[in-house]
Amino acid sequence: MGDIPDPNGKAAAAHRGRSEPVALADSAVRWMEQLPQHAQPFQTAARYPRIVNSLAGLWQSPPRCRAYFEQLMIDERGDRQGFPTEVASELAALKDYYDSVVHPTQQTVWDEIINRSRG
């Protein structure tokens, strides 16, 4: 898989290994404001603005956005410490919102059972 671009068109890999801080982009702030409150990633934006910038830029491209969510949650390199609990929870809620409301995935019978048990 290739590098995931940020909203400025740069590859995410270009940011790895750099010590310079990344600011939350204005476009990412506007994107967050459009999300329902339960899906707004405030802790993620404060701690990892690069991630929120990337998600905002990929939001309208389901295959690329889903790939980025997977890249964030699955340690393929074997050297990541993982996210703090608050950030991991926000990312999980955001992905759930994305997959169930923004760009719903095909549902199975098991998904329907789970959804009915929640409501």
PDB file of N, CA and C in Angstrom:
ATOM      1  N   MET A   1       0.841  -1.165   0.000  1.00  0.00           N
ATOM      2  CA  MET A   1       0.000   0.000   0.000  1.00  0.00           C
ATOM      3  C   MET A   1       0.886   1.228   0.000  1.00  0.00           C
ATOM      4  N   GLY A   2       0.466   2.234  -0.775  1.00  0.00           N
ATOM      5  CA  GLY A   2       1.234   3.470  -0.844  1.00  0.00           C
ATOM      6  C   GLY A   2       0.975   4.339   0.362  1.00  0.00           C
ATOM      7  N   ASP A   3       1.735   5.411   0.441  1.00  0.00           N
ATOM      8  CA  ASP A   3       1.565   6.349   1.530  1.00  0.00           C
ATOM      9  C   ASP A   3       0.221   7.048   1.417  1.00  0.00           C
ATOM     10  N   ILE A   4      -0.371   7.372   2.548  1.00  0.00           N
ATOM     11  CA  ILE A   4      -1.633   8.082   2.597  1.00  0.00           C
ATOM     12  C   ILE A   4      -1.327   9.573   2.576  1.00  0.00           C
ATOM     13  N   PRO A   5      -1.873  10.322   1.609  1.00  0.00           N
ATOM     14  CA  PRO A   5      -1.552  11.741   1.554  1.00  0.00           C
ATOM     15  C   PRO A   5      -2.305  12.527   2.607  1.00  0.00           C
ATOM     16  N   ASP A   6      -1.713  13.603   3.053  1.00  0.00           N
ATOM     17  CA  ASP A   6      -2.419  14.513   3.951  1.00  0.00           C
ATOM     18  C   ASP A   6      -3.151  15.528   3.082  1.00  0.00           C
ATOM     19  N   PRO A   7      -3.972  16.400   3.676  1.00  0.00           N
ATOM     20  CA  PRO A   7      -4.743  17.343   2.875  1.00  0.00           C
ATOM     21  C   PRO A   7      -3.878  18.276   2.032  1.00  0.00           C
ATOM     22  N   ASN A   8      -2.627  18.433   2.364  1.00  0.00           N
ATOM     23  CA  ASN A   8      -1.745  19.297   1.594  1.00  0.00           C
ATOM     24  C   ASN A   8      -1.060  18.559   0.450  1.00  0.00           C
ATOM     25  N   GLY A   9      -1.415  17.262   0.267  1.00  0.00           N
ATOM     26  CA  GLY A   9      -0.874  16.495  -0.834  1.00  0.00           C
ATOM     27  C   GLY A   9       0.466  15.842  -0.544  1.00  0.00           C
ATOM     28  N   LYS A  10       0.956  15.924   0.673  1.00  0.00           N
ATOM     29  CA  LYS A  10       2.239  15.308   1.016  1.00  0.00           C
ATOM     30  C   LYS A  10       1.987  13.900   1.549  1.00  0.00           C
ATOM     31  N   ALA A  11       2.918  13.040   1.364  1.00  0.00           N
ATOM     32  CA  ALA A  11       2.778  11.674   1.849  1.00  0.00           C
ATOM     33  C   ALA A  11       2.950  11.630   3.354  1.00  0.00           C
ATOM     34  N   ALA A  12       2.121  10.798   4.013  1.00  0.00           N
ATOM     35  CA  ALA A  12       2.200  10.672   5.463  1.00  0.00           C
ATOM     36  C   ALA A  12       3.577  10.197   5.899  1.00  0.00           C
ATOM     37  N   ALA A  13       4.205   9.372   5.088  1.00  0.00           N
ATOM     38  CA  ALA A  13       5.521   8.863   5.455  1.00  0.00           C
ATOM     39  C   ALA A  13       6.551   9.982   5.545  1.00  0.00           C
ATOM     40  N   ALA A  14       6.316  11.059   4.836  1.00  0.00           N
ATOM     41  CA  ALA A  14       7.253  12.175   4.883  1.00  0.00           C
ATOM     42  C   ALA A  14       7.283  12.810   6.262  1.00  0.00           C
ATOM     43  N   HIS A  15       6.212  12.638   7.034  1.00  0.00           N
ATOM     44  CA  HIS A  15       6.140  13.210   8.375  1.00  0.00           C
ATOM     45  C   HIS A  15       6.828  12.329   9.416  1.00  0.00           C
ATOM     46  N   ARG A  16       6.926  11.043   9.135  1.00  0.00           N
ATOM     47  CA  ARG A  16       7.533  10.125  10.103  1.00  0.00           C
ATOM     48  C   ARG A  16       8.983  10.476  10.301  1.00  0.00           C
ATOM     49  N   GLY A  17       9.405  10.425  11.537  1.00  0.00           N
ATOM     50  CA  GLY A  17      10.795  10.670  11.840  1.00  0.00           C
ATOM     51  C   GLY A  17      11.133  12.137  11.995  1.00  0.00           C
ATOM     52  N   ARG A  18      10.180  13.008  11.741  1.00  0.00           N
ATOM     53  CA  ARG A  18      10.415  14.437  11.913  1.00  0.00           C
ATOM     54  C   ARG A  18      10.055  14.832  13.335  1.00  0.00           C
ATOM     55  N   SER A  19      10.748  15.828  13.833  1.00  0.00           N
ATOM     56  CA  SER A  19      10.448  16.295  15.181  1.00  0.00           C
ATOM     57  C   SER A  19       9.645  17.592  15.165  1.00  0.00           C
ATOM     58  N   GLU A  20       9.468  18.186  13.978  1.00  0.00           N
ATOM     59  CA  GLU A  20       8.718  19.439  13.926  1.00  0.00           C
ATOM     60  C   GLU A  20       7.230  19.167  14.144  1.00  0.00           C
ATOM     61  N   PRO A  21       6.567  20.037  14.899  1.00  0.00           N
ATOM     62  CA  PRO A  21       5.147  19.825  15.183  1.00  0.00           C
ATOM     63  C   PRO A  21       4.290  20.080  13.942  1.00  0.00           C
ATOM     64  N   VAL A  22       3.176  19.398  13.870  1.00  0.00           N
ATOM     65  CA  VAL A  22       2.219  19.571  12.794  1.00  0.00           C
ATOM     66  C   VAL A  22       0.998  20.252  13.404  1.00  0.00           C
ATOM     67  N   ALA A  23       0.542  21.320  12.793  1.00  0.00           N
ATOM     68  CA  ALA A  23      -0.621  22.045  13.291  1.00  0.00           C
ATOM     69  C   ALA A  23      -1.897  21.465  12.691  1.00  0.00           C
ATOM     70  N   LEU A  24      -2.974  21.607  13.415  1.00  0.00           N
ATOM     71  CA  LEU A  24      -4.278  21.199  12.917  1.00  0.00           C
ATOM     72  C   LEU A  24      -4.694  22.182  11.820  1.00  0.00           C
ATOM     73  N   ALA A  25      -4.979  21.663  10.648  1.00  0.00           N
ATOM     74  CA  ALA A  25      -5.340  22.494   9.499  1.00  0.00           C
ATOM     75  C   ALA A  25      -6.735  23.089   9.682  1.00  0.00           C
ATOM     76  N   ASP A  26      -6.936  24.264   9.118  1.00  0.00           N
ATOM     77  CA  ASP A  26      -8.260  24.898   9.161  1.00  0.00           C
ATOM     78  C   ASP A  26      -9.316  24.006   8.538  1.00  0.00           C
ATOM     79  N   SER A  27      -8.955  23.314   7.468  1.00  0.00           N
ATOM     80  CA  SER A  27      -9.904  22.404   6.815  1.00  0.00           C
ATOM     81  C   SER A  27     -10.289  21.251   7.746  1.00  0.00           C
ATOM     82  N   ALA A  28      -9.363  20.811   8.584  1.00  0.00           N
ATOM     83  CA  ALA A  28      -9.660  19.743   9.537  1.00  0.00           C
ATOM     84  C   ALA A  28     -10.593  20.249  10.635  1.00  0.00           C
ATOM     85  N   VAL A  29     -10.400  21.494  11.059  1.00  0.00           N
ATOM     86  CA  VAL A  29     -11.292  22.084  12.065  1.00  0.00           C
ATOM     87  C   VAL A  29     -12.712  22.168  11.506  1.00  0.00           C
ATOM     88  N   ARG A  30     -12.841  22.643  10.272  1.00  0.00           N
ATOM     89  CA  ARG A  30     -14.167  22.736   9.638  1.00  0.00           C
ATOM     90  C   ARG A  30     -14.800  21.354   9.496  1.00  0.00           C
ATOM     91  N   TRP A  31     -13.992  20.352   9.141  1.00  0.00           N
ATOM     92  CA  TRP A  31     -14.488  18.984   9.009  1.00  0.00           C
ATOM     93  C   TRP A  31     -14.999  18.469  10.353  1.00  0.00           C
ATOM     94  N   MET A  32     -14.232  18.708  11.414  1.00  0.00           N
ATOM     95  CA  MET A  32     -14.645  18.253  12.742  1.00  0.00           C
ATOM     96  C   MET A  32     -15.952  18.903  13.171  1.00  0.00           C
ATOM     97  N   GLU A  33     -16.131  20.181  12.851  1.00  0.00           N
ATOM     98  CA  GLU A  33     -17.345  20.892  13.221  1.00  0.00           C
ATOM     99  C   GLU A  33     -18.583  20.314  12.546  1.00  0.00           C
ATOM    100  N   GLN A  34     -18.409  19.655  11.417  1.00  0.00           N
ATOM    101  CA  GLN A  34     -19.533  19.056  10.694  1.00  0.00           C
ATOM    102  C   GLN A  34     -19.909  17.685  11.238  1.00  0.00           C
ATOM    103  N   LEU A  35     -19.047  17.104  12.056  1.00  0.00           N
ATOM    104  CA  LEU A  35     -19.331  15.784  12.626  1.00  0.00           C
ATOM    105  C   LEU A  35     -20.277  15.912  13.817  1.00  0.00           C
ATOM    106  N   PRO A  36     -21.080  14.872  14.072  1.00  0.00           N
ATOM    107  CA  PRO A  36     -21.877  14.902  15.296  1.00  0.00           C
ATOM    108  C   PRO A  36     -20.939  14.872  16.505  1.00  0.00           C
ATOM    109  N   GLN A  37     -21.385  15.416  17.592  1.00  0.00           N
ATOM    110  CA  GLN A  37     -20.521  15.564  18.767  1.00  0.00           C
ATOM    111  C   GLN A  37     -19.888  14.247  19.198  1.00  0.00           C
ATOM    112  N   HIS A  38     -20.641  13.155  19.163  1.00  0.00           N
ATOM    113  CA  HIS A  38     -20.110  11.871  19.621  1.00  0.00           C
ATOM    114  C   HIS A  38     -18.973  11.342  18.746  1.00  0.00           C
ATOM    115  N   ALA A  39     -18.838  11.904  17.528  1.00  0.00           N
ATOM    116  CA  ALA A  39     -17.801  11.422  16.610  1.00  0.00           C
ATOM    117  C   ALA A  39     -16.644  12.404  16.459  1.00  0.00           C
ATOM    118  N   GLN A  40     -16.698  13.534  17.126  1.00  0.00           N
ATOM    119  CA  GLN A  40     -15.632  14.526  16.987  1.00  0.00           C
ATOM    120  C   GLN A  40     -14.383  14.092  17.762  1.00  0.00           C
ATOM    121  N   PRO A  41     -13.253  13.963  17.079  1.00  0.00           N
ATOM    122  CA  PRO A  41     -12.028  13.461  17.715  1.00  0.00           C
ATOM    123  C   PRO A  41     -11.186  14.571  18.377  1.00  0.00           C
ATOM    124  N   PHE A  42     -11.691  15.147  19.465  1.00  0.00           N
ATOM    125  CA  PHE A  42     -10.999  16.262  20.128  1.00  0.00           C
ATOM    126  C   PHE A  42      -9.638  15.869  20.697  1.00  0.00           C
ATOM    127  N   GLN A  43      -9.573  14.745  21.409  1.00  0.00           N
ATOM    128  CA  GLN A  43      -8.302  14.306  21.997  1.00  0.00           C
ATOM    129  C   GLN A  43      -7.299  13.946  20.906  1.00  0.00           C
ATOM    130  N   THR A  44      -7.779  13.318  19.859  1.00  0.00           N
ATOM    131  CA  THR A  44      -6.903  12.957  18.745  1.00  0.00           C
ATOM    132  C   THR A  44      -6.347  14.214  18.085  1.00  0.00           C
ATOM    133  N   ALA A  45      -7.202  15.215  17.894  1.00  0.00           N
ATOM    134  CA  ALA A  45      -6.757  16.475  17.283  1.00  0.00           C
ATOM    135  C   ALA A  45      -5.717  17.165  18.150  1.00  0.00           C
ATOM    136  N   ALA A  46      -5.907  17.123  19.463  1.00  0.00           N
ATOM    137  CA  ALA A  46      -4.966  17.781  20.369  1.00  0.00           C
ATOM    138  C   ALA A  46      -3.623  17.052  20.412  1.00  0.00           C
ATOM    139  N   ARG A  47      -3.656  15.725  20.402  1.00  0.00           N
ATOM    140  CA  ARG A  47      -2.432  14.938  20.548  1.00  0.00           C
ATOM    141  C   ARG A  47      -1.787  14.553  19.221  1.00  0.00           C
ATOM    142  N   TYR A  48      -2.616  14.323  18.211  1.00  0.00           N
ATOM    143  CA  TYR A  48      -2.137  13.843  16.913  1.00  0.00           C
ATOM    144  C   TYR A  48      -2.810  14.619  15.786  1.00  0.00           C
ATOM    145  N   PRO A  49      -2.531  15.908  15.651  1.00  0.00           N
ATOM    146  CA  PRO A  49      -3.201  16.695  14.602  1.00  0.00           C
ATOM    147  C   PRO A  49      -2.946  16.161  13.197  1.00  0.00           C
ATOM    148  N   ARG A  50      -1.793  15.573  12.965  1.00  0.00           N
ATOM    149  CA  ARG A  50      -1.492  15.006  11.647  1.00  0.00           C
ATOM    150  C   ARG A  50      -2.528  13.954  11.251  1.00  0.00           C
ATOM    151  N   ILE A  51      -2.962  13.140  12.220  1.00  0.00           N
ATOM    152  CA  ILE A  51      -3.957  12.099  11.947  1.00  0.00           C
ATOM    153  C   ILE A  51      -5.288  12.734  11.570  1.00  0.00           C
ATOM    154  N   VAL A  52      -5.702  13.749  12.312  1.00  0.00           N
ATOM    155  CA  VAL A  52      -6.979  14.402  12.021  1.00  0.00           C
ATOM    156  C   VAL A  52      -6.909  15.124  10.677  1.00  0.00           C
ATOM    157  N   ASN A  53      -5.790  15.750  10.370  1.00  0.00           N
ATOM    158  CA  ASN A  53      -5.616  16.376   9.061  1.00  0.00           C
ATOM    159  C   ASN A  53      -5.774  15.342   7.943  1.00  0.00           C
ATOM    160  N   SER A  54      -5.172  14.188   8.127  1.00  0.00           N
ATOM    161  CA  SER A  54      -5.255  13.134   7.110  1.00  0.00           C
ATOM    162  C   SER A  54      -6.675  12.609   6.975  1.00  0.00           C
ATOM    163  N   LEU A  55      -7.355  12.358   8.105  1.00  0.00           N
ATOM    164  CA  LEU A  55      -8.729  11.861   8.052  1.00  0.00           C
ATOM    165  C   LEU A  55      -9.650  12.855   7.352  1.00  0.00           C
ATOM    166  N   ALA A  56      -9.483  14.129   7.651  1.00  0.00           N
ATOM    167  CA  ALA A  56     -10.309  15.148   7.001  1.00  0.00           C
ATOM    168  C   ALA A  56     -10.094  15.133   5.486  1.00  0.00           C
ATOM    169  N   GLY A  57      -8.868  14.949   5.067  1.00  0.00           N
ATOM    170  CA  GLY A  57      -8.557  14.923   3.644  1.00  0.00           C
ATOM    171  C   GLY A  57      -9.021  13.670   2.933  1.00  0.00           C
ATOM    172  N   LEU A  58      -9.127  12.576   3.659  1.00  0.00           N
ATOM    173  CA  LEU A  58      -9.508  11.289   3.060  1.00  0.00           C
ATOM    174  C   LEU A  58     -10.984  10.959   3.220  1.00  0.00           C
ATOM    175  N   TRP A  59     -11.710  11.744   3.971  1.00  0.00           N
ATOM    176  CA  TRP A  59     -13.082  11.447   4.392  1.00  0.00           C
ATOM    177  C   TRP A  59     -14.016  11.090   3.234  1.00  0.00           C
ATOM    178  N   GLN A  60     -13.867  11.731   2.093  1.00  0.00           N
ATOM    179  CA  GLN A  60     -14.765  11.489   0.962  1.00  0.00           C
ATOM    180  C   GLN A  60     -14.287  10.369   0.035  1.00  0.00           C
ATOM    181  N   SER A  61     -13.231   9.687   0.402  1.00  0.00           N
ATOM    182  CA  SER A  61     -12.713   8.574  -0.395  1.00  0.00           C
ATOM    183  C   SER A  61     -12.771   7.290   0.438  1.00  0.00           C
ATOM    184  N   PRO A  62     -13.915   6.591   0.412  1.00  0.00           N
ATOM    185  CA  PRO A  62     -14.081   5.422   1.294  1.00  0.00           C
ATOM    186  C   PRO A  62     -12.951   4.396   1.265  1.00  0.00           C
ATOM    187  N   PRO A  63     -12.471   3.960   0.108  1.00  0.00           N
ATOM    188  CA  PRO A  63     -11.406   2.947   0.148  1.00  0.00           C
ATOM    189  C   PRO A  63     -10.136   3.458   0.837  1.00  0.00           C
ATOM    190  N   ARG A  64      -9.763   4.696   0.539  1.00  0.00           N
ATOM    191  CA  ARG A  64      -8.539   5.246   1.121  1.00  0.00           C
ATOM    192  C   ARG A  64      -8.722   5.572   2.607  1.00  0.00           C
ATOM    193  N   CYS A  65      -9.899   6.077   2.964  1.00  0.00           N
ATOM    194  CA  CYS A  65     -10.139   6.407   4.365  1.00  0.00           C
ATOM    195  C   CYS A  65     -10.178   5.131   5.217  1.00  0.00           C
ATOM    196  N   ARG A  66     -10.844   4.103   4.729  1.00  0.00           N
ATOM    197  CA  ARG A  66     -10.889   2.836   5.472  1.00  0.00           C
ATOM    198  C   ARG A  66      -9.488   2.229   5.598  1.00  0.00           C
ATOM    199  N   ALA A  67      -8.704   2.328   4.547  1.00  0.00           N
ATOM    200  CA  ALA A  67      -7.328   1.820   4.607  1.00  0.00           C
ATOM    201  C   ALA A  67      -6.531   2.588   5.654  1.00  0.00           C
ATOM    202  N   TYR A  68      -6.757   3.884   5.747  1.00  0.00           N
ATOM    203  CA  TYR A  68      -6.040   4.697   6.739  1.00  0.00           C
ATOM    204  C   TYR A  68      -6.465   4.328   8.146  1.00  0.00           C
ATOM    205  N   PHE A  69      -7.772   4.126   8.363  1.00  0.00           N
ATOM    206  CA  PHE A  69      -8.238   3.673   9.681  1.00  0.00           C
ATOM    207  C   PHE A  69      -7.543   2.364  10.064  1.00  0.00           C
ATOM    208  N   GLU A  70      -7.477   1.432   9.116  1.00  0.00           N
ATOM    209  CA  GLU A  70      -6.812   0.149   9.395  1.00  0.00           C
ATOM    210  C   GLU A  70      -5.338   0.349   9.701  1.00  0.00           C
ATOM    211  N   GLN A  71      -4.694   1.206   8.942  1.00  0.00           N
ATOM    212  CA  GLN A  71      -3.277   1.486   9.157  1.00  0.00           C
ATOM    213  C   GLN A  71      -3.044   2.047  10.565  1.00  0.00           C
ATOM    214  N   LEU A  72      -3.982   2.868  11.027  1.00  0.00           N
ATOM    215  CA  LEU A  72      -3.852   3.454  12.365  1.00  0.00           C
ATOM    216  C   LEU A  72      -4.027   2.413  13.465  1.00  0.00           C
ATOM    217  N   MET A  73      -4.932   1.489  13.257  1.00  0.00           N
ATOM    218  CA  MET A  73      -5.292   0.567  14.330  1.00  0.00           C
ATOM    219  C   MET A  73      -4.508  -0.739  14.328  1.00  0.00           C
ATOM    220  N   ILE A  74      -3.876  -1.070  13.215  1.00  0.00           N
ATOM    221  CA  ILE A  74      -3.136  -2.332  13.126  1.00  0.00           C
ATOM    222  C   ILE A  74      -1.649  -2.026  13.014  1.00  0.00           C
ATOM    223  N   ASP A  75      -0.873  -2.583  13.910  1.00  0.00           N
ATOM    224  CA  ASP A  75       0.573  -2.356  13.922  1.00  0.00           C
ATOM    225  C   ASP A  75       1.250  -3.357  12.999  1.00  0.00           C
ATOM    226  N   GLU A  76       1.496  -2.931  11.773  1.00  0.00           N
ATOM    227  CA  GLU A  76       2.157  -3.804  10.803  1.00  0.00           C
ATOM    228  C   GLU A  76       3.671  -3.756  10.935  1.00  0.00           C
ATOM    229  N   ARG A  77       4.182  -2.722  11.596  1.00  0.00           N
ATOM    230  CA  ARG A  77       5.635  -2.586  11.749  1.00  0.00           C
ATOM    231  C   ARG A  77       6.146  -3.309  12.992  1.00  0.00           C
ATOM    232  N   GLY A  78       5.282  -3.520  13.959  1.00  0.00           N
ATOM    233  CA  GLY A  78       5.679  -4.229  15.173  1.00  0.00           C
ATOM    234  C   GLY A  78       6.403  -3.384  16.201  1.00  0.00           C
ATOM    235  N   ASP A  79       6.433  -2.058  16.011  1.00  0.00           N
ATOM    236  CA  ASP A  79       7.174  -1.234  16.957  1.00  0.00           C
ATOM    237  C   ASP A  79       6.344  -0.083  17.535  1.00  0.00           C
ATOM    238  N   ARG A  80       5.050  -0.129  17.354  1.00  0.00           N
ATOM    239  CA  ARG A  80       4.197   0.951  17.860  1.00  0.00           C
ATOM    240  C   ARG A  80       3.750   0.649  19.280  1.00  0.00           C
ATOM    241  N   GLN A  81       3.587   1.710  20.059  1.00  0.00           N
ATOM    242  CA  GLN A  81       3.145   1.561  21.443  1.00  0.00           C
ATOM    243  C   GLN A  81       1.631   1.525  21.554  1.00  0.00           C
ATOM    244  N   GLY A  82       0.940   1.994  20.560  1.00  0.00           N
ATOM    245  CA  GLY A  82      -0.514   2.076  20.611  1.00  0.00           C
ATOM    246  C   GLY A  82      -0.948   3.457  21.064  1.00  0.00           C
ATOM    247  N   PHE A  83      -2.211   3.735  20.894  1.00  0.00           N
ATOM    248  CA  PHE A  83      -2.748   5.033  21.267  1.00  0.00           C
ATOM    249  C   PHE A  83      -3.215   5.033  22.707  1.00  0.00           C
ATOM    250  N   PRO A  84      -3.222   6.217  23.329  1.00  0.00           N
ATOM    251  CA  PRO A  84      -3.857   6.325  24.641  1.00  0.00           C
ATOM    252  C   PRO A  84      -5.336   5.915  24.513  1.00  0.00           C
ATOM    253  N   THR A  85      -5.911   5.454  25.594  1.00  0.00           N
ATOM    254  CA  THR A  85      -7.282   4.943  25.588  1.00  0.00           C
ATOM    255  C   THR A  85      -8.274   5.933  24.993  1.00  0.00           C
ATOM    256  N   GLU A  86      -8.163   7.220  25.370  1.00  0.00           N
ATOM    257  CA  GLU A  86      -9.114   8.219  24.880  1.00  0.00           C
ATOM    258  C   GLU A  86      -9.033   8.346  23.363  1.00  0.00           C
ATOM    259  N   VAL A  87      -7.835   8.331  22.822  1.00  0.00           N
ATOM    260  CA  VAL A  87      -7.633   8.471  21.386  1.00  0.00           C
ATOM    261  C   VAL A  87      -8.141   7.226  20.666  1.00  0.00           C
ATOM    262  N   ALA A  88      -7.811   6.054  21.174  1.00  0.00           N
ATOM    263  CA  ALA A  88      -8.277   4.811  20.554  1.00  0.00           C
ATOM    264  C   ALA A  88      -9.799   4.756  20.552  1.00  0.00           C
ATOM    265  N   SER A  89     -10.430   5.207  21.632  1.00  0.00           N
ATOM    266  CA  SER A  89     -11.894   5.229  21.710  1.00  0.00           C
ATOM    267  C   SER A  89     -12.487   6.195  20.691  1.00  0.00           C
ATOM    268  N   GLU A  90     -11.864   7.369  20.558  1.00  0.00           N
ATOM    269  CA  GLU A  90     -12.349   8.339  19.576  1.00  0.00           C
ATOM    270  C   GLU A  90     -12.228   7.790  18.158  1.00  0.00           C
ATOM    271  N   LEU A  91     -11.102   7.189  17.848  1.00  0.00           N
ATOM    272  CA  LEU A  91     -10.910   6.640  16.512  1.00  0.00           C
ATOM    273  C   LEU A  91     -11.896   5.513  16.225  1.00  0.00           C
ATOM    274  N   ALA A  92     -12.170   4.696  17.228  1.00  0.00           N
ATOM    275  CA  ALA A  92     -13.140   3.614  17.053  1.00  0.00           C
ATOM    276  C   ALA A  92     -14.538   4.183  16.825  1.00  0.00           C
ATOM    277  N   ALA A  93     -14.918   5.205  17.588  1.00  0.00           N
ATOM    278  CA  ALA A  93     -16.234   5.834  17.421  1.00  0.00           C
ATOM    279  C   ALA A  93     -16.343   6.504  16.060  1.00  0.00           C
ATOM    280  N   LEU A  94     -15.276   7.145  15.633  1.00  0.00           N
ATOM    281  CA  LEU A  94     -15.270   7.819  14.340  1.00  0.00           C
ATOM    282  C   LEU A  94     -15.391   6.807  13.204  1.00  0.00           C
ATOM    283  N   LYS A  95     -14.667   5.708  13.309  1.00  0.00           N
ATOM    284  CA  LYS A  95     -14.746   4.669  12.278  1.00  0.00           C
ATOM    285  C   LYS A  95     -16.141   4.046  12.253  1.00  0.00           C
ATOM    286  N   ASP A  96     -16.726   3.829  13.421  1.00  0.00           N
ATOM    287  CA  ASP A  96     -18.082   3.283  13.488  1.00  0.00           C
ATOM    288  C   ASP A  96     -19.067   4.240  12.814  1.00  0.00           C
ATOM    289  N   TYR A  97     -18.943   5.527  13.091  1.00  0.00           N
ATOM    290  CA  TYR A  97     -19.798   6.530  12.455  1.00  0.00           C
ATOM    291  C   TYR A  97     -19.588   6.520  10.937  1.00  0.00           C
ATOM    292  N   TYR A  98     -18.351   6.454  10.521  1.00  0.00           N
ATOM    293  CA  TYR A  98     -18.024   6.437   9.090  1.00  0.00           C
ATOM    294  C   TYR A  98     -18.660   5.231   8.395  1.00  0.00           C
ATOM    295  N   ASP A  99     -18.492   4.063   8.999  1.00  0.00           N
ATOM    296  CA  ASP A  99     -18.979   2.828   8.385  1.00  0.00           C
ATOM    297  C   ASP A  99     -20.487   2.630   8.506  1.00  0.00           C
ATOM    298  N   SER A 100     -21.119   3.293   9.472  1.00  0.00           N
ATOM    299  CA  SER A 100     -22.552   3.082   9.645  1.00  0.00           C
ATOM    300  C   SER A 100     -23.405   4.224   9.104  1.00  0.00           C
ATOM    301  N   VAL A 101     -22.850   5.434   9.010  1.00  0.00           N
ATOM    302  CA  VAL A 101     -23.653   6.588   8.591  1.00  0.00           C
ATOM    303  C   VAL A 101     -23.106   7.244   7.321  1.00  0.00           C
ATOM    304  N   VAL A 102     -21.824   7.590   7.314  1.00  0.00           N
ATOM    305  CA  VAL A 102     -21.246   8.357   6.209  1.00  0.00           C
ATOM    306  C   VAL A 102     -21.153   7.515   4.942  1.00  0.00           C
ATOM    307  N   HIS A 103     -20.504   6.392   5.032  1.00  0.00           N
ATOM    308  CA  HIS A 103     -20.349   5.470   3.902  1.00  0.00           C
ATOM    309  C   HIS A 103     -20.626   4.061   4.419  1.00  0.00           C
ATOM    310  N   PRO A 104     -21.911   3.728   4.566  1.00  0.00           N
ATOM    311  CA  PRO A 104     -22.251   2.411   5.146  1.00  0.00           C
ATOM    312  C   PRO A 104     -21.682   1.257   4.334  1.00  0.00           C
ATOM    313  N   THR A 105     -21.217   0.277   5.056  1.00  0.00           N
ATOM    314  CA  THR A 105     -20.738  -0.939   4.414  1.00  0.00           C
ATOM    315  C   THR A 105     -21.906  -1.910   4.315  1.00  0.00           C
ATOM    316  N   GLN A 106     -21.740  -2.892   3.478  1.00  0.00           N
ATOM    317  CA  GLN A 106     -22.783  -3.895   3.328  1.00  0.00           C
ATOM    318  C   GLN A 106     -22.987  -4.604   4.660  1.00  0.00           C
ATOM    319  N   GLN A 107     -24.226  -4.676   5.087  1.00  0.00           N
ATOM    320  CA  GLN A 107     -24.555  -5.289   6.369  1.00  0.00           C
ATOM    321  C   GLN A 107     -24.810  -6.786   6.205  1.00  0.00           C
ATOM    322  N   THR A 108     -24.451  -7.526   7.226  1.00  0.00           N
ATOM    323  CA  THR A 108     -24.766  -8.950   7.270  1.00  0.00           C
ATOM    324  C   THR A 108     -25.876  -9.151   8.285  1.00  0.00           C
ATOM    325  N   VAL A 109     -26.394 -10.338   8.365  1.00  0.00           N
ATOM    326  CA  VAL A 109     -27.419 -10.659   9.349  1.00  0.00           C
ATOM    327  C   VAL A 109     -26.883 -10.412  10.757  1.00  0.00           C
ATOM    328  N   TRP A 110     -25.627 -10.726  10.993  1.00  0.00           N
ATOM    329  CA  TRP A 110     -25.039 -10.534  12.321  1.00  0.00           C
ATOM    330  C   TRP A 110     -24.959  -9.052  12.672  1.00  0.00           C
ATOM    331  N   ASP A 111     -24.643  -8.203  11.708  1.00  0.00           N
ATOM    332  CA  ASP A 111     -24.629  -6.761  11.955  1.00  0.00           C
ATOM    333  C   ASP A 111     -26.009  -6.270  12.349  1.00  0.00           C
ATOM    334  N   GLU A 112     -27.032  -6.785  11.686  1.00  0.00           N
ATOM    335  CA  GLU A 112     -28.409  -6.381  12.003  1.00  0.00           C
ATOM    336  C   GLU A 112     -28.772  -6.801  13.424  1.00  0.00           C
ATOM    337  N   ILE A 113     -28.369  -7.975  13.832  1.00  0.00           N
ATOM    338  CA  ILE A 113     -28.642  -8.438  15.206  1.00  0.00           C
ATOM    339  C   ILE A 113     -27.974  -7.528  16.214  1.00  0.00           C
ATOM    340  N   ILE A 114     -26.726  -7.165  15.958  1.00  0.00           N
ATOM    341  CA  ILE A 114     -26.007  -6.272  16.857  1.00  0.00           C
ATOM    342  C   ILE A 114     -26.676  -4.901  16.914  1.00  0.00           C
ATOM    343  N   ASN A 115     -27.057  -4.355  15.751  1.00  0.00           N
ATOM    344  CA  ASN A 115     -27.708  -3.055  15.721  1.00  0.00           C
ATOM    345  C   ASN A 115     -29.024  -3.056  16.472  1.00  0.00           C
ATOM    346  N   ARG A 116     -29.802  -4.117  16.343  1.00  0.00           N
ATOM    347  CA  ARG A 116     -31.074  -4.194  17.060  1.00  0.00           C
ATOM    348  C   ARG A 116     -30.872  -4.325  18.561  1.00  0.00           C
ATOM    349  N   SER A 117     -29.799  -4.984  18.967  1.00  0.00           N
ATOM    350  CA  SER A 117     -29.545  -5.131  20.407  1.00  0.00           C
ATOM    351  C   SER A 117     -29.099  -3.822  21.030  1.00  0.00           C
ATOM    352  N   ARG A 118     -28.511  -2.917  20.224  1.00  0.00           N
ATOM    353  CA  ARG A 118     -28.079  -1.609  20.725  1.00  0.00           C
ATOM    354  C   ARG A 118     -29.258  -0.673  20.908  1.00  0.00           C
ATOM    355  N   GLY A 119     -30.271  -0.803  20.086  1.00  0.00           N
ATOM    356  CA  GLY A 119     -31.376   0.167  20.083  1.00  0.00           C
ATOM    357  C   GLY A 119     -32.530  -0.308  20.818  1.00  0.00           C
TER     358      GLY A 119
END
